[in-house]
């Protein structure tokens, strides 16, 4: 019974991934400007991750390889950068609304 449940959940996860990726792409194909905006957003995220990756130390303190440690450090740094940017955007928006 557990094997059948896992198999069904794998199928549903696949359907969800296809839907989550496919629907925005279908909408973007009908509007090329939105495709350009989406590409700029993905490119921005890639630039932030690459900056974090190249600045990560890669020191491992366990069984992980140097590459794994570097990827984990880059992921954490990317998260911190994006979280600070999001909080900064929220604070800026609230201050701007309060001054109007």
N, C-alpha and C. Protein backbone atom coordinates (compact mmCIF):
# COMPACT_ATOMS: atom_id res chain seq x y z
N UNK A 1 0.83 -1.20 0.00
CA UNK A 1 0.00 0.00 0.00
C UNK A 1 0.87 1.27 0.00
N UNK A 2 1.97 1.23 0.73
CA UNK A 2 2.84 2.39 0.79
C UNK A 2 3.49 2.65 -0.58
N UNK A 3 3.88 1.58 -1.27
CA UNK A 3 4.49 1.74 -2.59
C UNK A 3 3.54 2.41 -3.58
N UNK A 4 2.27 2.06 -3.52
CA UNK A 4 1.28 2.66 -4.42
C UNK A 4 1.12 4.14 -4.09
N UNK A 5 1.08 4.47 -2.80
CA UNK A 5 0.95 5.87 -2.39
C UNK A 5 2.14 6.71 -2.83
N UNK A 6 3.34 6.15 -2.71
CA UNK A 6 4.52 6.87 -3.16
C UNK A 6 4.50 7.07 -4.67
N UNK A 7 4.10 6.04 -5.40
CA UNK A 7 4.04 6.14 -6.84
C UNK A 7 3.05 7.23 -7.27
N UNK A 8 1.89 7.26 -6.64
CA UNK A 8 0.88 8.27 -6.96
C UNK A 8 1.39 9.67 -6.59
N UNK A 9 2.08 9.78 -5.45
CA UNK A 9 2.59 11.10 -5.06
C UNK A 9 3.67 11.57 -6.01
N UNK A 10 4.51 10.66 -6.52
CA UNK A 10 5.51 11.05 -7.51
C UNK A 10 4.85 11.56 -8.79
N UNK A 11 3.80 10.91 -9.21
CA UNK A 11 3.07 11.35 -10.40
C UNK A 11 2.47 12.73 -10.17
N UNK A 12 1.86 12.94 -9.00
CA UNK A 12 1.25 14.23 -8.71
C UNK A 12 2.30 15.34 -8.60
N UNK A 13 3.46 15.04 -8.04
CA UNK A 13 4.52 16.03 -7.98
C UNK A 13 4.98 16.41 -9.38
N UNK A 14 5.10 15.41 -10.26
CA UNK A 14 5.47 15.68 -11.65
C UNK A 14 4.45 16.55 -12.36
N UNK A 15 3.17 16.27 -12.13
CA UNK A 15 2.11 17.08 -12.74
C UNK A 15 2.17 18.52 -12.21
N UNK A 16 2.41 18.67 -10.91
CA UNK A 16 2.51 20.01 -10.33
C UNK A 16 3.69 20.79 -10.89
N UNK A 17 4.83 20.11 -11.05
CA UNK A 17 6.01 20.78 -11.60
C UNK A 17 5.75 21.22 -13.03
N UNK A 18 5.16 20.31 -13.83
CA UNK A 18 4.85 20.67 -15.22
C UNK A 18 3.87 21.84 -15.29
N UNK A 19 2.89 21.85 -14.40
CA UNK A 19 1.92 22.94 -14.39
C UNK A 19 2.56 24.24 -13.94
N UNK A 20 3.39 24.18 -12.89
CA UNK A 20 4.02 25.38 -12.36
C UNK A 20 4.99 26.00 -13.36
N UNK A 21 5.61 25.18 -14.18
CA UNK A 21 6.55 25.69 -15.17
C UNK A 21 5.83 26.00 -16.48
N UNK A 22 4.90 25.14 -16.86
CA UNK A 22 4.25 25.26 -18.16
C UNK A 22 3.28 26.42 -18.30
N UNK A 23 2.49 26.68 -17.27
CA UNK A 23 1.49 27.74 -17.36
C UNK A 23 2.12 29.13 -17.55
N UNK A 24 3.13 29.50 -16.76
CA UNK A 24 3.74 30.81 -17.02
C UNK A 24 4.42 30.89 -18.39
N UNK A 25 5.01 29.78 -18.84
CA UNK A 25 5.62 29.79 -20.17
C UNK A 25 4.58 29.95 -21.27
N UNK A 26 3.42 29.31 -21.11
CA UNK A 26 2.36 29.47 -22.11
C UNK A 26 1.87 30.91 -22.15
N UNK A 27 1.72 31.52 -20.96
CA UNK A 27 1.30 32.93 -20.91
C UNK A 27 2.39 33.83 -21.50
N UNK A 28 3.63 33.51 -21.22
CA UNK A 28 4.73 34.34 -21.71
C UNK A 28 4.85 34.27 -23.22
N UNK A 29 4.54 33.14 -23.82
CA UNK A 29 4.63 33.02 -25.27
C UNK A 29 3.61 33.92 -25.97
N UNK A 30 2.48 34.17 -25.30
CA UNK A 30 1.48 35.05 -25.90
C UNK A 30 1.83 36.53 -25.71
N UNK A 31 2.72 36.83 -24.75
CA UNK A 31 3.13 38.21 -24.48
C UNK A 31 4.65 38.26 -24.35
N UNK A 32 5.36 38.61 -25.42
CA UNK A 32 6.84 38.58 -25.38
C UNK A 32 7.45 39.54 -24.35
N UNK A 33 6.77 40.63 -24.02
CA UNK A 33 7.30 41.55 -23.01
C UNK A 33 7.40 40.88 -21.64
N UNK A 34 6.40 40.06 -21.31
CA UNK A 34 6.46 39.37 -20.02
C UNK A 34 7.57 38.32 -20.02
N UNK A 35 7.86 37.74 -21.17
CA UNK A 35 8.96 36.79 -21.27
C UNK A 35 10.29 37.49 -21.02
N UNK A 36 10.42 38.71 -21.51
CA UNK A 36 11.64 39.49 -21.29
C UNK A 36 11.79 39.84 -19.82
N UNK A 37 10.69 40.23 -19.18
CA UNK A 37 10.72 40.56 -17.76
C UNK A 37 11.06 39.33 -16.92
N UNK A 38 10.50 38.18 -17.30
CA UNK A 38 10.78 36.94 -16.58
C UNK A 38 12.26 36.58 -16.73
N UNK A 39 12.80 36.75 -17.93
CA UNK A 39 14.21 36.47 -18.16
C UNK A 39 15.11 37.38 -17.36
N UNK A 40 14.72 38.64 -17.22
CA UNK A 40 15.52 39.57 -16.41
C UNK A 40 15.48 39.17 -14.94
N UNK A 41 14.34 38.72 -14.46
CA UNK A 41 14.24 38.27 -13.07
C UNK A 41 15.08 37.04 -12.80
N UNK A 42 14.99 36.06 -13.70
CA UNK A 42 15.79 34.85 -13.55
C UNK A 42 17.28 35.18 -13.67
N UNK A 43 17.62 36.07 -14.58
CA UNK A 43 19.01 36.49 -14.73
C UNK A 43 19.53 37.19 -13.48
N UNK A 44 18.70 38.01 -12.87
CA UNK A 44 19.08 38.68 -11.63
C UNK A 44 19.34 37.69 -10.51
N UNK A 45 18.47 36.70 -10.39
CA UNK A 45 18.68 35.66 -9.38
C UNK A 45 19.95 34.88 -9.64
N UNK A 46 20.22 34.60 -10.91
CA UNK A 46 21.44 33.88 -11.28
C UNK A 46 22.69 34.70 -10.95
N UNK A 47 22.64 36.01 -11.19
CA UNK A 47 23.77 36.87 -10.87
C UNK A 47 24.02 36.89 -9.36
N UNK A 48 22.94 37.00 -8.58
CA UNK A 48 23.10 36.99 -7.12
C UNK A 48 23.70 35.67 -6.66
N UNK A 49 23.22 34.55 -7.22
CA UNK A 49 23.76 33.25 -6.82
C UNK A 49 25.23 33.11 -7.23
N UNK A 50 25.58 33.57 -8.42
CA UNK A 50 26.97 33.46 -8.86
C UNK A 50 27.90 34.31 -7.99
N UNK A 51 27.47 35.48 -7.62
CA UNK A 51 28.27 36.31 -6.71
C UNK A 51 28.45 35.59 -5.38
N UNK A 52 27.37 35.01 -4.87
CA UNK A 52 27.46 34.28 -3.60
C UNK A 52 28.35 33.05 -3.74
N UNK A 53 28.28 32.37 -4.89
CA UNK A 53 29.08 31.16 -5.09
C UNK A 53 30.57 31.49 -5.14
N UNK A 54 30.92 32.54 -5.86
CA UNK A 54 32.33 32.87 -5.99
C UNK A 54 32.93 33.50 -4.73
N UNK A 55 32.07 33.99 -3.83
CA UNK A 55 32.57 34.53 -2.58
C UNK A 55 32.51 33.52 -1.44
N UNK A 56 31.89 32.36 -1.67
CA UNK A 56 31.80 31.33 -0.63
C UNK A 56 33.16 30.70 -0.40
N UNK A 57 33.43 30.36 0.86
CA UNK A 57 34.77 29.86 1.19
C UNK A 57 34.96 28.40 0.81
N UNK A 58 33.96 27.56 0.99
CA UNK A 58 34.09 26.15 0.65
C UNK A 58 34.75 25.33 1.73
N UNK A 59 34.92 25.89 2.93
CA UNK A 59 35.50 25.12 4.04
C UNK A 59 34.47 24.10 4.51
N UNK A 60 34.90 22.86 4.60
CA UNK A 60 33.97 21.84 5.09
C UNK A 60 34.41 21.40 6.48
N UNK A 61 33.44 21.10 7.31
CA UNK A 61 33.73 20.69 8.68
C UNK A 61 33.16 19.31 8.96
N UNK A 62 32.94 18.55 7.91
CA UNK A 62 32.36 17.22 8.10
C UNK A 62 32.68 16.34 6.92
N UNK A 63 31.71 15.53 6.56
CA UNK A 63 31.89 14.58 5.47
C UNK A 63 31.65 15.18 4.09
N UNK A 64 31.19 16.41 4.03
CA UNK A 64 30.84 17.01 2.74
C UNK A 64 32.11 17.36 1.96
N UNK A 65 31.98 17.31 0.65
CA UNK A 65 33.10 17.70 -0.21
C UNK A 65 33.21 19.22 -0.25
N UNK A 66 34.29 19.71 -0.82
CA UNK A 66 34.49 21.15 -0.91
C UNK A 66 33.42 21.80 -1.79
N UNK A 67 33.05 21.12 -2.88
CA UNK A 67 32.02 21.67 -3.77
C UNK A 67 30.67 21.74 -3.07
N UNK A 68 30.33 20.69 -2.32
CA UNK A 68 29.06 20.70 -1.59
C UNK A 68 29.05 21.82 -0.56
N UNK A 69 30.14 21.97 0.17
CA UNK A 69 30.22 23.03 1.17
C UNK A 69 30.10 24.40 0.51
N UNK A 70 30.71 24.55 -0.65
CA UNK A 70 30.65 25.83 -1.36
C UNK A 70 29.22 26.11 -1.84
N UNK A 71 28.52 25.08 -2.35
CA UNK A 71 27.14 25.26 -2.79
C UNK A 71 26.22 25.60 -1.62
N UNK A 72 26.43 24.95 -0.50
CA UNK A 72 25.60 25.25 0.68
C UNK A 72 25.86 26.68 1.15
N UNK A 73 27.12 27.08 1.19
CA UNK A 73 27.44 28.46 1.58
C UNK A 73 26.85 29.47 0.62
N UNK A 74 26.91 29.16 -0.67
CA UNK A 74 26.35 30.06 -1.67
C UNK A 74 24.83 30.15 -1.52
N UNK A 75 24.19 29.03 -1.24
CA UNK A 75 22.74 29.05 -1.04
C UNK A 75 22.33 29.88 0.16
N UNK A 76 23.08 29.74 1.25
CA UNK A 76 22.78 30.54 2.43
C UNK A 76 23.02 32.03 2.18
N UNK A 77 24.12 32.34 1.53
CA UNK A 77 24.40 33.75 1.22
C UNK A 77 23.35 34.34 0.29
N UNK A 78 22.92 33.56 -0.70
CA UNK A 78 21.86 34.01 -1.59
C UNK A 78 20.58 34.28 -0.82
N UNK A 79 20.24 33.37 0.09
CA UNK A 79 19.05 33.57 0.92
C UNK A 79 19.16 34.85 1.73
N UNK A 80 20.32 35.08 2.36
CA UNK A 80 20.49 36.28 3.17
C UNK A 80 20.36 37.54 2.33
N UNK A 81 20.97 37.56 1.16
CA UNK A 81 20.90 38.74 0.28
C UNK A 81 19.46 39.01 -0.13
N UNK A 82 18.74 37.96 -0.56
CA UNK A 82 17.37 38.15 -1.01
C UNK A 82 16.43 38.52 0.14
N UNK A 83 16.68 37.96 1.33
CA UNK A 83 15.85 38.30 2.49
C UNK A 83 16.05 39.75 2.88
N UNK A 84 17.30 40.21 2.90
CA UNK A 84 17.57 41.61 3.23
C UNK A 84 16.96 42.54 2.18
N UNK A 85 17.04 42.15 0.91
CA UNK A 85 16.43 42.96 -0.15
C UNK A 85 14.91 43.03 0.01
N UNK A 86 14.29 41.91 0.37
CA UNK A 86 12.84 41.90 0.55
C UNK A 86 12.43 42.76 1.74
N UNK A 87 13.14 42.63 2.84
CA UNK A 87 12.82 43.43 4.02
C UNK A 87 13.06 44.91 3.73
N UNK A 88 14.15 45.21 3.03
CA UNK A 88 14.41 46.60 2.65
C UNK A 88 13.33 47.17 1.75
N UNK A 89 12.83 46.36 0.83
CA UNK A 89 11.75 46.80 -0.04
C UNK A 89 10.47 47.06 0.72
N UNK A 90 10.18 46.22 1.70
CA UNK A 90 8.99 46.41 2.52
C UNK A 90 9.11 47.70 3.33
N UNK A 91 10.26 47.89 3.97
CA UNK A 91 10.46 49.09 4.79
C UNK A 91 10.38 50.34 3.91
N UNK A 92 11.01 50.31 2.74
CA UNK A 92 10.97 51.46 1.83
C UNK A 92 9.54 51.78 1.43
N UNK A 93 8.78 50.75 1.07
CA UNK A 93 7.39 50.96 0.65
C UNK A 93 6.55 51.55 1.77
N UNK A 94 6.73 51.05 2.99
CA UNK A 94 5.95 51.57 4.11
C UNK A 94 6.33 53.01 4.43
N UNK A 95 7.60 53.34 4.38
CA UNK A 95 8.03 54.71 4.63
C UNK A 95 7.51 55.64 3.55
N UNK A 96 7.57 55.18 2.31
CA UNK A 96 7.06 56.01 1.21
C UNK A 96 5.55 56.25 1.33
N UNK A 97 4.79 55.19 1.74
CA UNK A 97 3.36 55.38 1.93
C UNK A 97 3.06 56.30 3.09
N UNK A 98 3.88 56.26 4.13
CA UNK A 98 3.63 57.10 5.31
C UNK A 98 3.91 58.57 5.02
N UNK A 99 4.81 58.85 4.09
CA UNK A 99 5.14 60.24 3.79
C UNK A 99 4.21 60.86 2.77
N UNK A 100 3.37 60.10 2.15
CA UNK A 100 2.46 60.66 1.13
C UNK A 100 1.25 61.29 1.74
